[in-house]
């Protein structure tokens, strides 16, 4: 499927549903965020998204503060259980 074909499908369904805010590129961000929340390595995400630079991939990750806090707390717990 071409990018233009995907845009056409999205446009059709946006008009049919009345929801005008959905765009194909938003799926890439949603995919990147879901992978990050699942713990997928950034280099793997870079390959899956087809980015040449990891900095570009990092822009696709939109983690909620709750998720960041949970990951921090989990890492802190792992650190304290080692000692």
PDB file of N, CA and C in Angstrom:
ATOM      1  N   UNK A   1       0.835  -1.164   0.000  1.00  0.00           N
ATOM      2  CA  UNK A   1       0.000   0.000   0.000  1.00  0.00           C
ATOM      3  C   UNK A   1       0.886   1.235   0.000  1.00  0.00           C
ATOM      4  N   UNK A   2       0.501   2.195  -0.770  1.00  0.00           N
ATOM      5  CA  UNK A   2       1.268   3.432  -0.851  1.00  0.00           C
ATOM      6  C   UNK A   2       0.814   4.396   0.246  1.00  0.00           C
ATOM      7  N   UNK A   3       1.665   5.364   0.578  1.00  0.00           N
ATOM      8  CA  UNK A   3       1.245   6.386   1.549  1.00  0.00           C
ATOM      9  C   UNK A   3      -0.026   7.123   1.094  1.00  0.00           C
ATOM     10  N   UNK A   4      -0.117   7.406  -0.201  1.00  0.00           N
ATOM     11  CA  UNK A   4      -1.300   8.097  -0.719  1.00  0.00           C
ATOM     12  C   UNK A   4      -2.554   7.231  -0.563  1.00  0.00           C
ATOM     13  N   UNK A   5      -2.414   5.929  -0.769  1.00  0.00           N
ATOM     14  CA  UNK A   5      -3.542   5.019  -0.603  1.00  0.00           C
ATOM     15  C   UNK A   5      -4.027   4.977   0.839  1.00  0.00           C
ATOM     16  N   UNK A   6      -3.084   4.960   1.762  1.00  0.00           N
ATOM     17  CA  UNK A   6      -3.437   4.963   3.178  1.00  0.00           C
ATOM     18  C   UNK A   6      -4.141   6.261   3.563  1.00  0.00           C
ATOM     19  N   UNK A   7      -3.639   7.387   3.056  1.00  0.00           N
ATOM     20  CA  UNK A   7      -4.298   8.678   3.328  1.00  0.00           C
ATOM     21  C   UNK A   7      -5.713   8.685   2.782  1.00  0.00           C
ATOM     22  N   UNK A   8      -5.917   8.095   1.610  1.00  0.00           N
ATOM     23  CA  UNK A   8      -7.255   8.029   1.017  1.00  0.00           C
ATOM     24  C   UNK A   8      -8.202   7.220   1.888  1.00  0.00           C
ATOM     25  N   UNK A   9      -7.730   6.097   2.394  1.00  0.00           N
ATOM     26  CA  UNK A   9      -8.550   5.261   3.273  1.00  0.00           C
ATOM     27  C   UNK A   9      -8.908   6.017   4.549  1.00  0.00           C
ATOM     28  N   UNK A  10      -7.925   6.685   5.138  1.00  0.00           N
ATOM     29  CA  UNK A  10      -8.186   7.462   6.352  1.00  0.00           C
ATOM     30  C   UNK A  10      -9.186   8.581   6.073  1.00  0.00           C
ATOM     31  N   UNK A  11      -8.993   9.289   4.970  1.00  0.00           N
ATOM     32  CA  UNK A  11      -9.898  10.395   4.622  1.00  0.00           C
ATOM     33  C   UNK A  11     -11.328   9.883   4.483  1.00  0.00           C
ATOM     34  N   UNK A  12     -11.491   8.764   3.800  1.00  0.00           N
ATOM     35  CA  UNK A  12     -12.818   8.172   3.604  1.00  0.00           C
ATOM     36  C   UNK A  12     -13.483   7.865   4.949  1.00  0.00           C
ATOM     37  N   UNK A  13     -12.741   7.210   5.831  1.00  0.00           N
ATOM     38  CA  UNK A  13     -13.314   6.813   7.116  1.00  0.00           C
ATOM     39  C   UNK A  13     -13.523   8.004   8.055  1.00  0.00           C
ATOM     40  N   UNK A  14     -12.671   9.014   7.947  1.00  0.00           N
ATOM     41  CA  UNK A  14     -12.894  10.224   8.751  1.00  0.00           C
ATOM     42  C   UNK A  14     -14.194  10.893   8.341  1.00  0.00           C
ATOM     43  N   UNK A  15     -14.405  11.031   7.047  1.00  0.00           N
ATOM     44  CA  UNK A  15     -15.627  11.661   6.555  1.00  0.00           C
ATOM     45  C   UNK A  15     -16.860  10.832   6.899  1.00  0.00           C
ATOM     46  N   UNK A  16     -16.759   9.528   6.752  1.00  0.00           N
ATOM     47  CA  UNK A  16     -17.886   8.636   7.036  1.00  0.00           C
ATOM     48  C   UNK A  16     -18.256   8.626   8.522  1.00  0.00           C
ATOM     49  N   UNK A  17     -17.234   8.693   9.390  1.00  0.00           N
ATOM     50  CA  UNK A  17     -17.485   8.623  10.833  1.00  0.00           C
ATOM     51  C   UNK A  17     -17.745   9.989  11.459  1.00  0.00           C
ATOM     52  N   UNK A  18     -17.313  11.043  10.778  1.00  0.00           N
ATOM     53  CA  UNK A  18     -17.437  12.382  11.360  1.00  0.00           C
ATOM     54  C   UNK A  18     -16.310  12.726  12.319  1.00  0.00           C
ATOM     55  N   UNK A  19     -15.367  11.814  12.483  1.00  0.00           N
ATOM     56  CA  UNK A  19     -14.201  12.063  13.328  1.00  0.00           C
ATOM     57  C   UNK A  19     -13.098  12.594  12.420  1.00  0.00           C
ATOM     58  N   UNK A  20     -12.794  13.863  12.544  1.00  0.00           N
ATOM     59  CA  UNK A  20     -11.864  14.481  11.600  1.00  0.00           C
ATOM     60  C   UNK A  20     -10.417  14.504  12.078  1.00  0.00           C
ATOM     61  N   UNK A  21     -10.142  13.941  13.252  1.00  0.00           N
ATOM     62  CA  UNK A  21      -8.812  14.082  13.832  1.00  0.00           C
ATOM     63  C   UNK A  21      -7.860  12.922  13.568  1.00  0.00           C
ATOM     64  N   UNK A  22      -8.260  11.866  12.884  1.00  0.00           N
ATOM     65  CA  UNK A  22      -7.380  10.718  12.698  1.00  0.00           C
ATOM     66  C   UNK A  22      -6.530  10.821  11.446  1.00  0.00           C
ATOM     67  N   UNK A  23      -5.219  10.676  11.611  1.00  0.00           N
ATOM     68  CA  UNK A  23      -4.293  10.739  10.473  1.00  0.00           C
ATOM     69  C   UNK A  23      -3.318   9.571  10.546  1.00  0.00           C
ATOM     70  N   UNK A  24      -2.868   9.064   9.397  1.00  0.00           N
ATOM     71  CA  UNK A  24      -1.964   7.906   9.386  1.00  0.00           C
ATOM     72  C   UNK A  24      -0.697   8.115  10.214  1.00  0.00           C
ATOM     73  N   UNK A  25      -0.151   9.315  10.193  1.00  0.00           N
ATOM     74  CA  UNK A  25       1.097   9.545  10.908  1.00  0.00           C
ATOM     75  C   UNK A  25       0.907   9.386  12.420  1.00  0.00           C
ATOM     76  N   UNK A  26      -0.294   9.654  12.901  1.00  0.00           N
ATOM     77  CA  UNK A  26      -0.573   9.467  14.327  1.00  0.00           C
ATOM     78  C   UNK A  26      -0.417   7.999  14.719  1.00  0.00           C
ATOM     79  N   UNK A  27      -0.681   7.092  13.778  1.00  0.00           N
ATOM     80  CA  UNK A  27      -0.489   5.665  14.065  1.00  0.00           C
ATOM     81  C   UNK A  27       0.970   5.341  14.364  1.00  0.00           C
ATOM     82  N   UNK A  28       1.883   5.998  13.668  1.00  0.00           N
ATOM     83  CA  UNK A  28       3.309   5.767  13.921  1.00  0.00           C
ATOM     84  C   UNK A  28       3.663   6.161  15.353  1.00  0.00           C
ATOM     85  N   UNK A  29       3.134   7.313  15.798  1.00  0.00           N
ATOM     86  CA  UNK A  29       3.406   7.762  17.158  1.00  0.00           C
ATOM     87  C   UNK A  29       2.776   6.814  18.178  1.00  0.00           C
ATOM     88  N   UNK A  30       1.555   6.367  17.899  1.00  0.00           N
ATOM     89  CA  UNK A  30       0.881   5.431  18.789  1.00  0.00           C
ATOM     90  C   UNK A  30       1.656   4.121  18.858  1.00  0.00           C
ATOM     91  N   UNK A  31       2.127   3.638  17.715  1.00  0.00           N
ATOM     92  CA  UNK A  31       2.916   2.410  17.652  1.00  0.00           C
ATOM     93  C   UNK A  31       4.210   2.560  18.448  1.00  0.00           C
ATOM     94  N   UNK A  32       4.911   3.673  18.249  1.00  0.00           N
ATOM     95  CA  UNK A  32       6.158   3.926  18.974  1.00  0.00           C
ATOM     96  C   UNK A  32       5.946   3.986  20.476  1.00  0.00           C
ATOM     97  N   UNK A  33       4.889   4.665  20.886  1.00  0.00           N
ATOM     98  CA  UNK A  33       4.584   4.772  22.314  1.00  0.00           C
ATOM     99  C   UNK A  33       4.232   3.416  22.899  1.00  0.00           C
ATOM    100  N   UNK A  34       3.423   2.647  22.189  1.00  0.00           N
ATOM    101  CA  UNK A  34       3.034   1.316  22.677  1.00  0.00           C
ATOM    102  C   UNK A  34       4.258   0.414  22.815  1.00  0.00           C
ATOM    103  N   UNK A  35       5.167   0.490  21.866  1.00  0.00           N
ATOM    104  CA  UNK A  35       6.388  -0.325  21.948  1.00  0.00           C
ATOM    105  C   UNK A  35       7.240   0.105  23.137  1.00  0.00           C
ATOM    106  N   UNK A  36       7.358   1.413  23.342  1.00  0.00           N
ATOM    107  CA  UNK A  36       8.151   1.915  24.471  1.00  0.00           C
ATOM    108  C   UNK A  36       7.542   1.469  25.792  1.00  0.00           C
ATOM    109  N   UNK A  37       6.220   1.555  25.907  1.00  0.00           N
ATOM    110  CA  UNK A  37       5.553   1.136  27.137  1.00  0.00           C
ATOM    111  C   UNK A  37       5.682  -0.361  27.367  1.00  0.00           C
ATOM    112  N   UNK A  38       5.852  -1.128  26.287  1.00  0.00           N
ATOM    113  CA  UNK A  38       6.034  -2.576  26.404  1.00  0.00           C
ATOM    114  C   UNK A  38       7.487  -2.941  26.701  1.00  0.00           C
ATOM    115  N   UNK A  39       8.379  -1.945  26.717  1.00  0.00           N
ATOM    116  CA  UNK A  39       9.771  -2.197  27.053  1.00  0.00           C
ATOM    117  C   UNK A  39      10.652  -2.561  25.878  1.00  0.00           C
ATOM    118  N   UNK A  40      10.196  -2.307  24.651  1.00  0.00           N
ATOM    119  CA  UNK A  40      10.996  -2.619  23.465  1.00  0.00           C
ATOM    120  C   UNK A  40      12.206  -1.683  23.426  1.00  0.00           C
ATOM    121  N   UNK A  41      13.357  -2.253  23.134  1.00  0.00           N
ATOM    122  CA  UNK A  41      14.602  -1.502  23.045  1.00  0.00           C
ATOM    123  C   UNK A  41      14.504  -0.423  21.971  1.00  0.00           C
ATOM    124  N   UNK A  42      15.094   0.738  22.247  1.00  0.00           N
ATOM    125  CA  UNK A  42      15.023   1.866  21.315  1.00  0.00           C
ATOM    126  C   UNK A  42      15.627   1.526  19.951  1.00  0.00           C
ATOM    127  N   UNK A  43      16.695   0.748  19.913  1.00  0.00           N
ATOM    128  CA  UNK A  43      17.311   0.362  18.645  1.00  0.00           C
ATOM    129  C   UNK A  43      16.382  -0.528  17.821  1.00  0.00           C
ATOM    130  N   UNK A  44      15.631  -1.389  18.495  1.00  0.00           N
ATOM    131  CA  UNK A  44      14.657  -2.244  17.802  1.00  0.00           C
ATOM    132  C   UNK A  44      13.533  -1.371  17.244  1.00  0.00           C
ATOM    133  N   UNK A  45      13.068  -0.422  18.056  1.00  0.00           N
ATOM    134  CA  UNK A  45      12.033   0.500  17.582  1.00  0.00           C
ATOM    135  C   UNK A  45      12.520   1.276  16.369  1.00  0.00           C
ATOM    136  N   UNK A  46      13.772   1.706  16.407  1.00  0.00           N
ATOM    137  CA  UNK A  46      14.357   2.448  15.289  1.00  0.00           C
ATOM    138  C   UNK A  46      14.277   1.625  14.015  1.00  0.00           C
ATOM    139  N   UNK A  47      14.619   0.348  14.105  1.00  0.00           N
ATOM    140  CA  UNK A  47      14.575  -0.522  12.932  1.00  0.00           C
ATOM    141  C   UNK A  47      13.138  -0.724  12.449  1.00  0.00           C
ATOM    142  N   UNK A  48      12.207  -0.942  13.385  1.00  0.00           N
ATOM    143  CA  UNK A  48      10.809  -1.169  13.005  1.00  0.00           C
ATOM    144  C   UNK A  48      10.170   0.059  12.364  1.00  0.00           C
ATOM    145  N   UNK A  49      10.538   1.242  12.856  1.00  0.00           N
ATOM    146  CA  UNK A  49       9.973   2.475  12.306  1.00  0.00           C
ATOM    147  C   UNK A  49      10.728   2.956  11.061  1.00  0.00           C
ATOM    148  N   UNK A  50      11.895   2.348  10.797  1.00  0.00           N
ATOM    149  CA  UNK A  50      12.648   2.694   9.594  1.00  0.00           C
ATOM    150  C   UNK A  50      13.383   4.021   9.663  1.00  0.00           C
ATOM    151  N   UNK A  51      13.801   4.408  10.866  1.00  0.00           N
ATOM    152  CA  UNK A  51      14.519   5.671  11.024  1.00  0.00           C
ATOM    153  C   UNK A  51      16.024   5.478  10.869  1.00  0.00           C
ATOM    154  N   UNK A  52      16.676   6.466  10.277  1.00  0.00           N
ATOM    155  CA  UNK A  52      18.127   6.409  10.117  1.00  0.00           C
ATOM    156  C   UNK A  52      18.836   6.764  11.427  1.00  0.00           C
ATOM    157  N   UNK A  53      18.215   7.617  12.231  1.00  0.00           N
ATOM    158  CA  UNK A  53      18.845   8.083  13.473  1.00  0.00           C
ATOM    159  C   UNK A  53      17.940   7.804  14.665  1.00  0.00           C
ATOM    160  N   UNK A  54      18.540   7.394  15.765  1.00  0.00           N
ATOM    161  CA  UNK A  54      17.785   7.065  16.969  1.00  0.00           C
ATOM    162  C   UNK A  54      17.096   8.299  17.545  1.00  0.00           C
ATOM    163  N   UNK A  55      17.661   9.478  17.303  1.00  0.00           N
ATOM    164  CA  UNK A  55      17.032  10.725  17.784  1.00  0.00           C
ATOM    165  C   UNK A  55      15.639  10.901  17.186  1.00  0.00           C
ATOM    166  N   UNK A  56      15.479  10.519  15.942  1.00  0.00           N
ATOM    167  CA  UNK A  56      14.172  10.612  15.287  1.00  0.00           C
ATOM    168  C   UNK A  56      13.188   9.668  15.970  1.00  0.00           C
ATOM    169  N   UNK A  57      13.637   8.473  16.282  1.00  0.00           N
ATOM    170  CA  UNK A  57      12.783   7.485  16.946  1.00  0.00           C
ATOM    171  C   UNK A  57      12.354   7.991  18.316  1.00  0.00           C
ATOM    172  N   UNK A  58      13.258   8.622  19.035  1.00  0.00           N
ATOM    173  CA  UNK A  58      12.951   9.110  20.378  1.00  0.00           C
ATOM    174  C   UNK A  58      11.811  10.119  20.359  1.00  0.00           C
ATOM    175  N   UNK A  59      11.648  10.845  19.269  1.00  0.00           N
ATOM    176  CA  UNK A  59      10.554  11.824  19.162  1.00  0.00           C
ATOM    177  C   UNK A  59       9.186  11.164  19.063  1.00  0.00           C
ATOM    178  N   UNK A  60       9.156   9.895  18.725  1.00  0.00           N
ATOM    179  CA  UNK A  60       7.893   9.184  18.570  1.00  0.00           C
ATOM    180  C   UNK A  60       7.350   8.649  19.897  1.00  0.00           C
ATOM    181  N   UNK A  61       8.139   8.744  20.919  1.00  0.00           N
ATOM    182  CA  UNK A  61       7.748   8.162  22.199  1.00  0.00           C
ATOM    183  C   UNK A  61       7.076   9.228  23.056  1.00  0.00           C
ATOM    184  N   UNK A  62       5.832   8.972  23.405  1.00  0.00           N
ATOM    185  CA  UNK A  62       5.058   9.893  24.231  1.00  0.00           C
ATOM    186  C   UNK A  62       4.564   9.129  25.455  1.00  0.00           C
ATOM    187  N   UNK A  63       5.404   9.071  26.481  1.00  0.00           N
ATOM    188  CA  UNK A  63       5.059   8.314  27.670  1.00  0.00           C
ATOM    189  C   UNK A  63       4.290   9.192  28.653  1.00  0.00           C
ATOM    190  N   UNK A  64       3.310   8.601  29.299  1.00  0.00           N
ATOM    191  CA  UNK A  64       2.548   9.332  30.300  1.00  0.00           C
ATOM    192  C   UNK A  64       3.388   9.464  31.569  1.00  0.00           C
ATOM    193  N   UNK A  65       3.181  10.520  32.332  1.00  0.00           N
ATOM    194  CA  UNK A  65       3.923  10.650  33.594  1.00  0.00           C
ATOM    195  C   UNK A  65       3.714   9.452  34.519  1.00  0.00           C
ATOM    196  N   UNK A  66       2.534   8.868  34.501  1.00  0.00           N
ATOM    197  CA  UNK A  66       2.256   7.692  35.330  1.00  0.00           C
ATOM    198  C   UNK A  66       3.155   6.531  34.933  1.00  0.00           C
ATOM    199  N   UNK A  67       3.327   6.328  33.617  1.00  0.00           N
ATOM    200  CA  UNK A  67       4.187   5.240  33.136  1.00  0.00           C
ATOM    201  C   UNK A  67       5.645   5.495  33.522  1.00  0.00           C
ATOM    202  N   UNK A  68       6.091   6.737  33.368  1.00  0.00           N
ATOM    203  CA  UNK A  68       7.474   7.083  33.711  1.00  0.00           C
ATOM    204  C   UNK A  68       7.715   6.833  35.198  1.00  0.00           C
ATOM    205  N   UNK A  69       6.783   7.263  36.044  1.00  0.00           N
ATOM    206  CA  UNK A  69       6.922   7.053  37.483  1.00  0.00           C
ATOM    207  C   UNK A  69       6.949   5.563  37.820  1.00  0.00           C
ATOM    208  N   UNK A  70       6.083   4.779  37.202  1.00  0.00           N
ATOM    209  CA  UNK A  70       6.046   3.340  37.465  1.00  0.00           C
ATOM    210  C   UNK A  70       7.363   2.685  37.081  1.00  0.00           C
ATOM    211  N   UNK A  71       7.927   3.070  35.942  1.00  0.00           N
ATOM    212  CA  UNK A  71       9.211   2.506  35.518  1.00  0.00           C
ATOM    213  C   UNK A  71      10.336   2.921  36.457  1.00  0.00           C
ATOM    214  N   UNK A  72      10.303   4.176  36.886  1.00  0.00           N
ATOM    215  CA  UNK A  72      11.317   4.654  37.824  1.00  0.00           C
ATOM    216  C   UNK A  72      11.227   3.892  39.135  1.00  0.00           C
ATOM    217  N   UNK A  73      10.011   3.740  39.652  1.00  0.00           N
ATOM    218  CA  UNK A  73       9.815   3.015  40.906  1.00  0.00           C
ATOM    219  C   UNK A  73      10.273   1.559  40.789  1.00  0.00           C
ATOM    220  N   UNK A  74       9.976   0.926  39.657  1.00  0.00           N
ATOM    221  CA  UNK A  74      10.398  -0.457  39.444  1.00  0.00           C
ATOM    222  C   UNK A  74      11.919  -0.561  39.397  1.00  0.00           C
ATOM    223  N   UNK A  75      12.570   0.372  38.725  1.00  0.00           N
ATOM    224  CA  UNK A  75      14.036   0.362  38.649  1.00  0.00           C
ATOM    225  C   UNK A  75      14.639   0.595  40.026  1.00  0.00           C
ATOM    226  N   UNK A  76      14.049   1.494  40.790  1.00  0.00           N
ATOM    227  CA  UNK A  76      14.533   1.777  42.137  1.00  0.00           C
ATOM    228  C   UNK A  76      14.375   0.550  43.038  1.00  0.00           C
ATOM    229  N   UNK A  77      13.269  -0.149  42.904  1.00  0.00           N
ATOM    230  CA  UNK A  77      13.049  -1.373  43.679  1.00  0.00           C
ATOM    231  C   UNK A  77      14.079  -2.428  43.309  1.00  0.00           C
ATOM    232  N   UNK A  78      14.345  -2.593  42.016  1.00  0.00           N
ATOM    233  CA  UNK A  78      15.358  -3.571  41.580  1.00  0.00           C
ATOM    234  C   UNK A  78      16.736  -3.209  42.149  1.00  0.00           C
ATOM    235  N   UNK A  79      17.040  -1.932  42.167  1.00  0.00           N
ATOM    236  CA  UNK A  79      18.331  -1.471  42.682  1.00  0.00           C
ATOM    237  C   UNK A  79      18.451  -1.770  44.171  1.00  0.00           C
ATOM    238  N   UNK A  80      17.389  -1.536  44.922  1.00  0.00           N
ATOM    239  CA  UNK A  80      17.425  -1.763  46.368  1.00  0.00           C
ATOM    240  C   UNK A  80      17.435  -3.239  46.728  1.00  0.00           C
ATOM    241  N   UNK A  81      16.883  -4.096  45.883  1.00  0.00           N
ATOM    242  CA  UNK A  81      16.870  -5.532  46.207  1.00  0.00           C
ATOM    243  C   UNK A  81      18.220  -6.185  45.945  1.00  0.00           C
ATOM    244  N   UNK A  82      19.082  -5.540  45.200  1.00  0.00           N
ATOM    245  CA  UNK A  82      20.423  -6.082  44.933  1.00  0.00           C
ATOM    246  C   UNK A  82      21.344  -5.942  46.129  1.00  0.00           C
ATOM    247  N   UNK A  83      21.108  -4.935  46.962  1.00  0.00           N
ATOM    248  CA  UNK A  83      22.041  -4.677  48.061  1.00  0.00           C
ATOM    249  C   UNK A  83      21.643  -5.373  49.330  1.00  0.00           C
TER     250      UNK A  83
END
